[in-house]
Each structure stands twice: as C-alpha cells, then as structure tokens.
C-alpha cells in the first residue's frame, strides 16, 4: 500500500495504490471526506466495480490505484 497527498492552496488530491496481490485496508486519519475521481477497478478500465463517485472505500482491491479529491 502506498498513499500520498498533494496540496495547492485549498485543494488537496489523495492518491492510493495497492501494489499487492491481496486486498488492503486503508484508514485515513483526517476530518476531510475524500471523493473518488478515478478508480482503476471500475468496469470501464477492465475492473469489476461500476463507476460511482463515492467516498474513499476502506478496502482497496489488489493491484488498484485510486485518485480522490
């Protein structure tokens, strides 16, 4: 699991990557509620999840990248 943020003024982007072959659990210790913009497990990218702009999930599938604002 690899995660990092980038901030410019009041805007923050969170990137989360699970390079493992197993599901991973993530917990973000922050008051900010992140919303998913890109999820590599969405069906349109060959994954199994429908495209839904939802809050950041707690479980990150194997070999997945998620980009949030």
C-alpha atoms as a PDB file:
ATOM      1  CA  UNK A   1       0.000   0.000   0.000  1.00  0.00           C
ATOM      2  CA  UNK A   2       1.290   3.418  -0.957  1.00  0.00           C
ATOM      3  CA  UNK A   3      -0.641   6.660  -0.387  1.00  0.00           C
ATOM      4  CA  UNK A   4       0.207  10.328  -0.597  1.00  0.00           C
ATOM      5  CA  UNK A   5      -1.427  13.756  -0.872  1.00  0.00           C
ATOM      6  CA  UNK A   6      -0.633  16.838  -2.905  1.00  0.00           C
ATOM      7  CA  UNK A   7      -1.969  20.236  -1.864  1.00  0.00           C
ATOM      8  CA  UNK A   8      -2.218  23.517  -3.745  1.00  0.00           C
ATOM      9  CA  UNK A   9      -3.871  26.257  -1.749  1.00  0.00           C
ATOM     10  CA  UNK A  10      -7.189  24.840  -0.512  1.00  0.00           C
ATOM     11  CA  UNK A  11      -7.185  21.930  -2.994  1.00  0.00           C
ATOM     12  CA  UNK A  12      -5.897  18.502  -1.981  1.00  0.00           C
ATOM     13  CA  UNK A  13      -5.568  15.344  -4.062  1.00  0.00           C
ATOM     14  CA  UNK A  14      -5.124  11.924  -2.447  1.00  0.00           C
ATOM     15  CA  UNK A  15      -3.561   9.053  -4.395  1.00  0.00           C
ATOM     16  CA  UNK A  16      -3.789   5.490  -3.032  1.00  0.00           C
ATOM     17  CA  UNK A  17      -2.123   2.462  -4.648  1.00  0.00           C
ATOM     18  CA  UNK A  18      -2.312  -1.192  -3.669  1.00  0.00           C
ATOM     19  CA  UNK A  19       0.544  -2.969  -5.472  1.00  0.00           C
ATOM     20  CA  UNK A  20      -0.160  -6.197  -3.561  1.00  0.00           C
ATOM     21  CA  UNK A  21      -1.967  -9.273  -4.850  1.00  0.00           C
ATOM     22  CA  UNK A  22      -4.306  -9.091  -1.807  1.00  0.00           C
ATOM     23  CA  UNK A  23      -6.981  -6.671  -0.643  1.00  0.00           C
ATOM     24  CA  UNK A  24      -5.711  -3.964   1.690  1.00  0.00           C
ATOM     25  CA  UNK A  25      -7.480  -1.921   4.337  1.00  0.00           C
ATOM     26  CA  UNK A  26      -6.890   1.806   4.498  1.00  0.00           C
ATOM     27  CA  UNK A  27      -7.797   4.271   7.213  1.00  0.00           C
ATOM     28  CA  UNK A  28      -7.271   7.963   6.630  1.00  0.00           C
ATOM     29  CA  UNK A  29      -6.939   9.882   9.890  1.00  0.00           C
ATOM     30  CA  UNK A  30      -8.366  13.190   8.762  1.00  0.00           C
ATOM     31  CA  UNK A  31     -11.517  15.251   9.028  1.00  0.00           C
ATOM     32  CA  UNK A  32     -11.617  15.681   5.226  1.00  0.00           C
ATOM     33  CA  UNK A  33     -14.010  13.415   3.348  1.00  0.00           C
ATOM     34  CA  UNK A  34     -12.342  12.350   0.105  1.00  0.00           C
ATOM     35  CA  UNK A  35     -14.412  11.619  -3.016  1.00  0.00           C
ATOM     36  CA  UNK A  36     -13.167   9.134  -5.637  1.00  0.00           C
ATOM     37  CA  UNK A  37     -12.430  10.650  -9.066  1.00  0.00           C
ATOM     38  CA  UNK A  38     -10.624   7.681 -10.637  1.00  0.00           C
ATOM     39  CA  UNK A  39     -10.606   4.036  -9.590  1.00  0.00           C
ATOM     40  CA  UNK A  40      -8.680   1.556 -11.733  1.00  0.00           C
ATOM     41  CA  UNK A  41     -11.065  -1.237 -10.689  1.00  0.00           C
ATOM     42  CA  UNK A  42     -14.001   0.443 -12.462  1.00  0.00           C
ATOM     43  CA  UNK A  43     -15.536  -1.615 -15.275  1.00  0.00           C
ATOM     44  CA  UNK A  44     -14.537   0.943 -17.917  1.00  0.00           C
ATOM     45  CA  UNK A  45     -10.872   0.151 -17.117  1.00  0.00           C
ATOM     46  CA  UNK A  46     -11.356  -3.627 -17.153  1.00  0.00           C
ATOM     47  CA  UNK A  47     -12.218  -3.979 -13.463  1.00  0.00           C
ATOM     48  CA  UNK A  48     -15.243  -5.350 -11.665  1.00  0.00           C
ATOM     49  CA  UNK A  49     -16.717  -2.260  -9.970  1.00  0.00           C
ATOM     50  CA  UNK A  50     -19.317   0.042 -11.565  1.00  0.00           C
ATOM     51  CA  UNK A  51     -18.259   3.682 -11.914  1.00  0.00           C
ATOM     52  CA  UNK A  52     -19.645   5.516  -8.904  1.00  0.00           C
ATOM     53  CA  UNK A  53     -18.186   8.735  -7.498  1.00  0.00           C
ATOM     54  CA  UNK A  54     -18.295   7.680  -3.876  1.00  0.00           C
ATOM     55  CA  UNK A  55     -16.298   8.337  -0.731  1.00  0.00           C
ATOM     56  CA  UNK A  56     -12.919   6.606  -0.474  1.00  0.00           C
ATOM     57  CA  UNK A  57     -13.518   2.903   0.251  1.00  0.00           C
ATOM     58  CA  UNK A  58     -11.996   1.177   3.298  1.00  0.00           C
ATOM     59  CA  UNK A  59     -10.973  -1.882   1.266  1.00  0.00           C
ATOM     60  CA  UNK A  60      -8.630  -1.421  -1.693  1.00  0.00           C
ATOM     61  CA  UNK A  61      -8.656  -4.325  -4.211  1.00  0.00           C
ATOM     62  CA  UNK A  62      -5.375  -5.908  -5.361  1.00  0.00           C
ATOM     63  CA  UNK A  63      -3.342  -4.027  -7.994  1.00  0.00           C
ATOM     64  CA  UNK A  64      -5.571  -0.938  -7.780  1.00  0.00           C
ATOM     65  CA  UNK A  65      -4.990   2.798  -7.903  1.00  0.00           C
ATOM     66  CA  UNK A  66      -7.480   5.388  -6.614  1.00  0.00           C
ATOM     67  CA  UNK A  67      -7.359   9.148  -7.100  1.00  0.00           C
ATOM     68  CA  UNK A  68      -9.519  11.311  -4.799  1.00  0.00           C
ATOM     69  CA  UNK A  69     -10.275  14.947  -4.103  1.00  0.00           C
END
